[in-house]
Amino acid sequence: MAAPPNRSVEAIYAPVRDELDRVDANLLDLAAKANLSLDDRLFAQAVLSGGKKVRPALTLLAARVGGERSDKPIVMATAVELLHIATLIHDDTVDGALTRRGRATAPSLWGGKVAILLGDYVFAASATYVCDTGDVYVIRRFSETIMELARGELAEHFSAFDWTQTLDDYTSRIYSKTASLFATAAEAGGVLGGAEAAACEALRRYGRAIGMAYQVMDDVLDFLGTEEELGKPVGADLLQGTLTLPTLLFVQARSDEPAVRRLRNGGAADDDLRELAGLVAASDAIDRSLEACGRYRREAQTALEGLPAGEARDALAALADYMGGRRS
């Protein structure tokens, strides 16, 4: 496992802590005014569930690169967080997840129909916030990102238990499912903060790279983390048929393993999947996946080189390092 990061996530967020608090205030206000149900937990459960808020922090830090100060990056950061929350609600519904980060999910509390409608409501709320930025380019990129997120989820669904998928398939899938929102969060922050076009493009590349690193580390932690850290059972992705980087690397190198042969021949027995999860966790596929995460982190650092020196760039560099040392 990579060494822990030198700075905590809260220390990294310090330059934009006040703005992040205003994002939280926007979420609280939205929850208070939602009036969706006699059960006032419905919206609050979805929107006020905590989390690290990496994506809105990314938007706010990227906005500091341009130097223009306004409320628009805060509005965009709220939209980014709401979009992320909406995707989680739909993910939990599709996956039948009972808990996330130790908390009951919307579908486990109110059922799948209510959860889907709630996710749709949060998607729509995110769109109202991004429209309030008044920036047509940012609005279009946000809309395209919703399409990319949906494409990634569909790709994950249709590739479940597909042992013929390639590493390129995996890379494309995790870009759409995860890194696309990181890329848009960073680029939009730059645009709304008044950064030059070259800097906005660098921020987009940076966001994509740390998004890829984030997902690869998630895939590693699925094998090495604890249920308490992950908020879900260890090996949950593989048990659901999602073939992540460690699994694909292991299967590529060890196709002769009996469990692998049975699974590739059409089996889907839980015992074989659990056996494979143990084999992957004990193999060099983990180290090779961590090396891939490191490459994405270095790609992110390279993207920052052309940005103006200062507190914002330093925080973004620290955030890239953080991606390789987190445990949840």
Protein backbone atom coordinates (compact mmCIF):
# COMPACT_ATOMS: atom_id res chain seq x y z
CA MET A 1 0.00 0.00 0.00
CA ALA A 2 1.20 3.48 -0.81
CA ALA A 3 2.48 5.61 2.02
CA PRO A 4 -0.12 7.80 3.73
CA PRO A 5 -0.37 11.37 2.46
CA ASN A 6 1.57 14.05 4.28
CA ARG A 7 -1.44 16.36 4.52
CA SER A 8 -4.96 15.57 5.69
CA VAL A 9 -7.83 16.32 3.38
CA GLU A 10 -8.98 19.11 5.69
CA ALA A 11 -5.54 20.75 5.52
CA ILE A 12 -5.70 20.58 1.72
CA TYR A 13 -9.12 22.23 1.74
CA ALA A 14 -7.96 25.07 4.02
CA PRO A 15 -7.71 27.73 1.25
CA VAL A 16 -11.39 27.18 0.35
CA ARG A 17 -12.84 26.12 3.70
CA ASP A 18 -15.16 29.12 3.90
CA GLU A 19 -16.47 28.48 0.38
CA LEU A 20 -17.01 24.79 1.16
CA ASP A 21 -19.02 25.81 4.21
CA ARG A 22 -21.21 27.86 1.88
CA VAL A 23 -21.70 24.78 -0.32
CA ASP A 24 -22.86 22.92 2.80
CA ALA A 25 -25.21 25.82 3.57
CA ASN A 26 -26.68 25.55 0.06
CA LEU A 27 -27.30 21.84 0.58
CA LEU A 28 -28.95 22.51 3.95
CA ASP A 29 -31.15 25.17 2.41
CA LEU A 30 -32.14 22.88 -0.44
CA ALA A 31 -33.02 20.11 2.01
CA ALA A 32 -35.07 22.47 4.15
CA LYS A 33 -37.10 23.69 1.17
CA ALA A 34 -37.51 20.40 -0.67
CA ASN A 35 -40.87 19.46 0.91
CA LEU A 36 -40.76 16.09 -0.81
CA SER A 37 -42.44 13.99 1.84
CA LEU A 38 -44.03 13.96 5.24
CA ASP A 39 -40.91 12.05 6.21
CA ASP A 40 -38.42 14.93 6.46
CA ARG A 41 -35.53 12.48 6.47
CA LEU A 42 -35.99 11.72 2.79
CA PHE A 43 -33.99 14.54 1.26
CA ALA A 44 -31.69 15.04 4.23
CA GLN A 45 -30.66 11.37 4.15
CA ALA A 46 -29.57 11.76 0.56
CA VAL A 47 -28.00 15.20 0.53
CA LEU A 48 -26.59 15.71 4.01
CA SER A 49 -24.74 12.41 4.34
CA GLY A 50 -21.29 13.91 4.74
CA GLY A 51 -18.47 12.53 2.62
CA LYS A 52 -15.17 14.16 1.79
CA LYS A 53 -16.59 16.57 -0.82
CA VAL A 54 -13.52 16.13 -3.00
CA ARG A 55 -15.32 17.23 -6.16
CA PRO A 56 -16.69 20.57 -4.93
CA ALA A 57 -13.35 21.30 -3.25
CA LEU A 58 -11.71 20.64 -6.61
CA THR A 59 -13.98 23.19 -8.29
CA LEU A 60 -13.24 25.82 -5.64
CA LEU A 61 -9.47 25.27 -5.68
CA ALA A 62 -9.42 25.38 -9.49
CA ALA A 63 -11.32 28.66 -9.40
CA ARG A 64 -8.52 30.17 -7.31
CA VAL A 65 -6.10 29.59 -10.21
CA GLY A 66 -7.80 32.30 -12.27
CA GLY A 67 -7.89 34.82 -9.49
CA GLU A 68 -11.37 36.24 -10.15
CA ARG A 69 -13.54 36.13 -7.01
CA SER A 70 -17.30 35.68 -7.30
CA ASP A 71 -20.06 33.41 -6.06
CA LYS A 72 -20.19 31.46 -9.33
CA PRO A 73 -17.61 28.80 -8.31
CA ILE A 74 -19.61 28.18 -5.10
CA VAL A 75 -22.77 27.74 -7.15
CA MET A 76 -20.91 25.36 -9.47
CA ALA A 77 -19.40 23.43 -6.57
CA THR A 78 -22.92 22.90 -5.21
CA ALA A 79 -24.07 21.63 -8.60
CA VAL A 80 -21.10 19.25 -8.79
CA GLU A 81 -21.81 17.81 -5.34
CA LEU A 82 -25.51 17.38 -6.09
CA LEU A 83 -24.69 15.58 -9.34
CA HIS A 84 -22.35 13.26 -7.46
CA ILE A 85 -25.04 12.58 -4.82
CA ALA A 86 -27.63 11.83 -7.49
CA THR A 87 -25.35 9.25 -9.13
CA LEU A 88 -24.78 7.58 -5.73
CA ILE A 89 -28.53 7.29 -5.13
CA HIS A 90 -29.01 5.64 -8.51
CA ASP A 91 -25.94 3.41 -7.99
CA ASP A 92 -27.26 2.20 -4.65
CA THR A 93 -30.64 1.49 -6.20
CA VAL A 94 -29.25 -0.44 -9.15
CA ASP A 95 -26.82 -2.38 -6.92
CA GLY A 96 -29.38 -3.08 -4.19
CA ALA A 97 -26.94 -1.63 -1.63
CA LEU A 98 -28.28 -1.54 1.91
CA THR A 99 -25.61 0.75 3.35
CA ARG A 100 -23.06 3.31 2.18
CA ARG A 101 -20.33 4.53 4.53
CA GLY A 102 -22.16 2.79 7.36
CA ARG A 103 -25.46 4.61 6.73
CA ALA A 104 -28.68 3.15 5.39
CA THR A 105 -29.21 3.97 1.71
CA ALA A 106 -32.31 5.58 0.23
CA PRO A 107 -33.51 2.36 -1.46
CA SER A 108 -33.10 0.39 1.78
CA LEU A 109 -35.20 2.95 3.67
CA TRP A 110 -37.90 3.80 1.14
CA GLY A 111 -37.62 1.27 -1.67
CA GLY A 112 -36.31 1.45 -5.20
CA LYS A 113 -39.14 3.48 -6.74
CA VAL A 114 -38.80 6.30 -4.23
CA ALA A 115 -35.00 6.19 -4.50
CA ILE A 116 -35.07 6.54 -8.30
CA LEU A 117 -37.45 9.51 -8.05
CA LEU A 118 -35.29 11.06 -5.35
CA GLY A 119 -32.20 10.63 -7.52
CA ASP A 120 -34.04 12.29 -10.40
CA TYR A 121 -34.98 15.21 -8.13
CA VAL A 122 -31.36 15.68 -7.05
CA PHE A 123 -30.21 15.52 -10.69
CA ALA A 124 -32.69 18.26 -11.53
CA ALA A 125 -31.56 20.33 -8.53
CA SER A 126 -27.97 20.11 -9.74
CA ALA A 127 -29.05 21.42 -13.14
CA THR A 128 -30.75 24.47 -11.61
CA TYR A 129 -27.53 25.37 -9.82
CA VAL A 130 -25.33 25.02 -12.88
CA CYS A 131 -27.75 27.17 -14.87
CA ASP A 132 -27.33 29.86 -12.23
CA THR A 133 -23.68 30.20 -13.24
CA GLY A 134 -24.91 31.77 -16.49
CA ASP A 135 -21.96 30.28 -18.40
CA VAL A 136 -23.14 28.45 -21.52
CA TYR A 137 -19.89 26.50 -21.92
CA VAL A 138 -20.00 25.26 -18.33
CA ILE A 139 -23.68 24.34 -18.67
CA ARG A 140 -22.94 22.34 -21.81
CA ARG A 141 -19.99 20.55 -20.24
CA PHE A 142 -22.12 19.71 -17.21
CA SER A 143 -24.82 18.24 -19.48
CA GLU A 144 -22.24 16.22 -21.38
CA THR A 145 -20.89 14.94 -18.08
CA ILE A 146 -24.32 13.63 -17.09
CA MET A 147 -24.31 11.68 -20.36
CA GLU A 148 -20.81 10.37 -19.66
CA LEU A 149 -21.76 9.27 -16.15
CA ALA A 150 -24.78 7.41 -17.49
CA ARG A 151 -22.63 5.83 -20.21
CA GLY A 152 -20.20 4.59 -17.55
CA GLU A 153 -22.99 3.09 -15.48
CA LEU A 154 -24.45 1.35 -18.52
CA ALA A 155 -21.01 0.04 -19.48
CA GLU A 156 -20.56 -1.34 -15.97
CA HIS A 157 -23.95 -3.04 -16.11
CA PHE A 158 -23.44 -4.64 -19.50
CA SER A 159 -19.86 -5.75 -18.73
CA ALA A 160 -20.79 -7.56 -15.50
CA PHE A 161 -19.15 -11.02 -15.43
CA ASP A 162 -17.74 -10.37 -18.92
CA TRP A 163 -14.32 -12.01 -18.77
CA THR A 164 -13.49 -10.98 -22.33
CA GLN A 165 -13.28 -7.25 -21.53
CA THR A 166 -9.92 -5.57 -21.96
CA LEU A 167 -7.89 -3.06 -19.98
CA ASP A 168 -8.90 -0.45 -22.55
CA ASP A 169 -12.55 -1.26 -21.84
CA TYR A 170 -11.88 -0.75 -18.14
CA THR A 171 -10.09 2.56 -18.70
CA SER A 172 -12.93 3.90 -20.84
CA ARG A 173 -15.51 2.78 -18.29
CA ILE A 174 -13.88 4.39 -15.27
CA TYR A 175 -13.29 7.62 -17.17
CA SER A 176 -17.01 7.86 -17.90
CA LYS A 177 -18.21 6.64 -14.51
CA THR A 178 -15.81 8.60 -12.29
CA ALA A 179 -13.12 10.73 -13.90
CA SER A 180 -15.47 12.67 -16.19
CA LEU A 181 -17.00 14.49 -13.22
CA PHE A 182 -13.58 15.25 -11.73
CA ALA A 183 -12.48 16.68 -15.09
CA THR A 184 -15.57 18.87 -15.40
CA ALA A 185 -15.36 19.99 -11.77
CA ALA A 186 -11.80 21.22 -12.28
CA GLU A 187 -12.28 22.76 -15.72
CA ALA A 188 -15.49 24.55 -14.71
CA GLY A 189 -13.75 25.99 -11.66
CA GLY A 190 -11.04 27.40 -13.89
CA VAL A 191 -13.53 28.86 -16.35
CA LEU A 192 -15.65 30.50 -13.65
CA GLY A 193 -12.55 31.77 -11.86
CA GLY A 194 -11.39 33.59 -14.98
CA ALA A 195 -8.40 31.38 -15.81
CA GLU A 196 -6.94 31.54 -19.31
CA ALA A 197 -7.91 28.86 -21.83
CA ALA A 198 -4.60 27.00 -21.50
CA ALA A 199 -4.95 26.88 -17.73
CA CYS A 200 -8.54 25.60 -18.01
CA GLU A 201 -7.35 22.82 -20.32
CA ALA A 202 -4.57 21.94 -17.85
CA LEU A 203 -7.13 21.82 -15.06
CA ARG A 204 -9.32 19.50 -17.14
CA ARG A 205 -6.37 17.14 -17.67
CA TYR A 206 -5.53 17.36 -13.98
CA GLY A 207 -9.11 16.55 -12.99
CA ARG A 208 -9.26 13.59 -15.35
CA ALA A 209 -5.99 12.20 -13.97
CA ILE A 210 -6.93 12.46 -10.30
CA GLY A 211 -10.35 11.03 -11.11
CA MET A 212 -8.69 8.01 -12.70
CA ALA A 213 -6.35 7.70 -9.71
CA TYR A 214 -9.32 7.96 -7.35
CA GLN A 215 -11.17 5.11 -9.07
CA VAL A 216 -8.13 2.84 -9.34
CA MET A 217 -7.48 3.34 -5.62
CA ASP A 218 -11.14 2.55 -4.92
CA ASP A 219 -10.69 -0.68 -6.86
CA VAL A 220 -7.59 -1.59 -4.84
CA LEU A 221 -9.29 -0.79 -1.53
CA ASP A 222 -12.15 -3.09 -2.50
CA PHE A 223 -9.65 -5.91 -1.93
CA LEU A 224 -7.46 -4.48 0.84
CA GLY A 225 -9.72 -2.24 2.91
CA THR A 226 -11.92 -3.26 5.79
CA GLU A 227 -15.72 -3.21 5.77
CA GLU A 228 -15.61 -0.43 8.37
CA GLU A 229 -13.33 1.69 6.18
CA LEU A 230 -15.18 1.02 2.93
CA GLY A 231 -18.74 1.10 4.18
CA LYS A 232 -19.40 -2.06 2.13
CA PRO A 233 -18.24 -5.69 2.20
CA VAL A 234 -14.65 -6.32 1.07
CA GLY A 235 -14.65 -7.71 -2.47
CA ALA A 236 -18.16 -6.38 -3.10
CA ASP A 237 -17.37 -5.27 -6.66
CA LEU A 238 -16.20 -8.70 -7.75
CA LEU A 239 -19.12 -10.44 -6.05
CA GLN A 240 -21.45 -8.24 -8.13
CA GLY A 241 -19.56 -9.08 -11.31
CA THR A 242 -17.71 -5.77 -11.70
CA LEU A 243 -14.25 -6.61 -13.01
CA THR A 244 -11.87 -3.92 -11.84
CA LEU A 245 -8.19 -3.36 -12.61
CA PRO A 246 -6.73 -5.76 -9.99
CA THR A 247 -9.03 -8.56 -11.17
CA LEU A 248 -8.35 -7.96 -14.85
CA LEU A 249 -4.59 -7.92 -14.27
CA PHE A 250 -4.75 -11.12 -12.22
CA VAL A 251 -6.92 -12.96 -14.75
CA GLN A 252 -4.64 -11.81 -17.57
CA ALA A 253 -1.59 -13.27 -15.79
CA ARG A 254 -3.14 -16.32 -14.11
CA SER A 255 -5.70 -17.67 -16.55
CA ASP A 256 -4.82 -21.22 -15.50
CA GLU A 257 -6.25 -20.84 -11.98
CA PRO A 258 -9.16 -23.30 -11.57
CA ALA A 259 -11.50 -20.64 -10.19
CA VAL A 260 -10.64 -18.37 -13.11
CA ARG A 261 -11.29 -21.15 -15.62
CA ARG A 262 -14.67 -21.95 -14.09
CA LEU A 263 -15.72 -18.31 -14.09
CA ARG A 264 -14.52 -17.71 -17.63
CA ASN A 265 -16.49 -20.77 -18.74
CA GLY A 266 -19.71 -19.16 -17.59
CA GLY A 267 -19.75 -19.84 -13.87
CA ALA A 268 -20.74 -17.24 -11.31
CA ALA A 269 -20.64 -19.22 -8.07
CA ASP A 270 -20.10 -17.12 -4.95
CA ASP A 271 -17.47 -19.57 -3.70
CA ASP A 272 -15.43 -19.12 -6.89
CA LEU A 273 -15.78 -15.34 -6.71
CA ARG A 274 -14.69 -15.28 -3.06
CA GLU A 275 -11.75 -17.55 -3.87
CA LEU A 276 -10.74 -15.27 -6.72
CA ALA A 277 -11.03 -12.20 -4.47
CA GLY A 278 -8.59 -13.81 -2.04
CA LEU A 279 -6.18 -14.72 -4.82
CA VAL A 280 -6.26 -11.21 -6.26
CA ALA A 281 -5.68 -9.61 -2.84
CA ALA A 282 -2.58 -11.75 -2.29
CA SER A 283 -1.14 -11.23 -5.77
CA ASP A 284 1.11 -8.70 -7.46
CA ALA A 285 -1.98 -7.41 -9.29
CA ILE A 286 -2.44 -5.11 -6.30
CA ASP A 287 1.04 -3.61 -6.63
CA ARG A 288 0.60 -3.27 -10.38
CA SER A 289 -2.69 -1.45 -9.82
CA LEU A 290 -1.03 0.87 -7.32
CA GLU A 291 1.63 1.57 -9.94
CA ALA A 292 -1.16 2.57 -12.35
CA CYS A 293 -2.59 4.85 -9.67
CA GLY A 294 0.85 6.40 -9.26
CA ARG A 295 1.09 7.05 -12.99
CA TYR A 296 -2.20 8.90 -12.94
CA ARG A 297 -1.06 10.95 -9.95
CA ARG A 298 2.15 11.89 -11.77
CA GLU A 299 0.08 12.80 -14.83
CA ALA A 300 -1.96 15.12 -12.60
CA GLN A 301 1.19 16.74 -11.22
CA THR A 302 2.52 17.27 -14.74
CA ALA A 303 -0.72 19.00 -15.74
CA LEU A 304 -0.21 21.50 -12.90
CA GLU A 305 3.26 22.56 -14.04
CA GLY A 306 1.99 25.25 -16.36
CA LEU A 307 -0.29 26.87 -13.77
CA PRO A 308 0.69 29.95 -11.76
CA ALA A 309 2.55 29.13 -8.56
CA GLY A 310 0.63 29.76 -5.37
CA GLU A 311 -1.59 28.36 -2.65
CA ALA A 312 -4.18 26.95 -5.06
CA ARG A 313 -1.66 25.01 -7.14
CA ASP A 314 0.03 23.71 -3.98
CA ALA A 315 -3.31 22.47 -2.66
CA LEU A 316 -4.14 20.78 -5.97
CA ALA A 317 -0.73 19.07 -5.92
CA ALA A 318 -1.36 17.86 -2.37
CA LEU A 319 -4.79 16.59 -3.42
CA ALA A 320 -3.20 14.49 -6.16
CA ASP A 321 -0.83 12.97 -3.58
CA TYR A 322 -3.73 12.33 -1.23
CA MET A 323 -5.39 10.12 -3.81
CA GLY A 324 -2.65 7.51 -3.44
CA GLY A 325 -2.74 7.25 0.34
CA ARG A 326 -6.40 7.32 1.30
CA ARG A 327 -8.03 4.35 3.01
CA SER A 328 -11.66 5.14 2.29
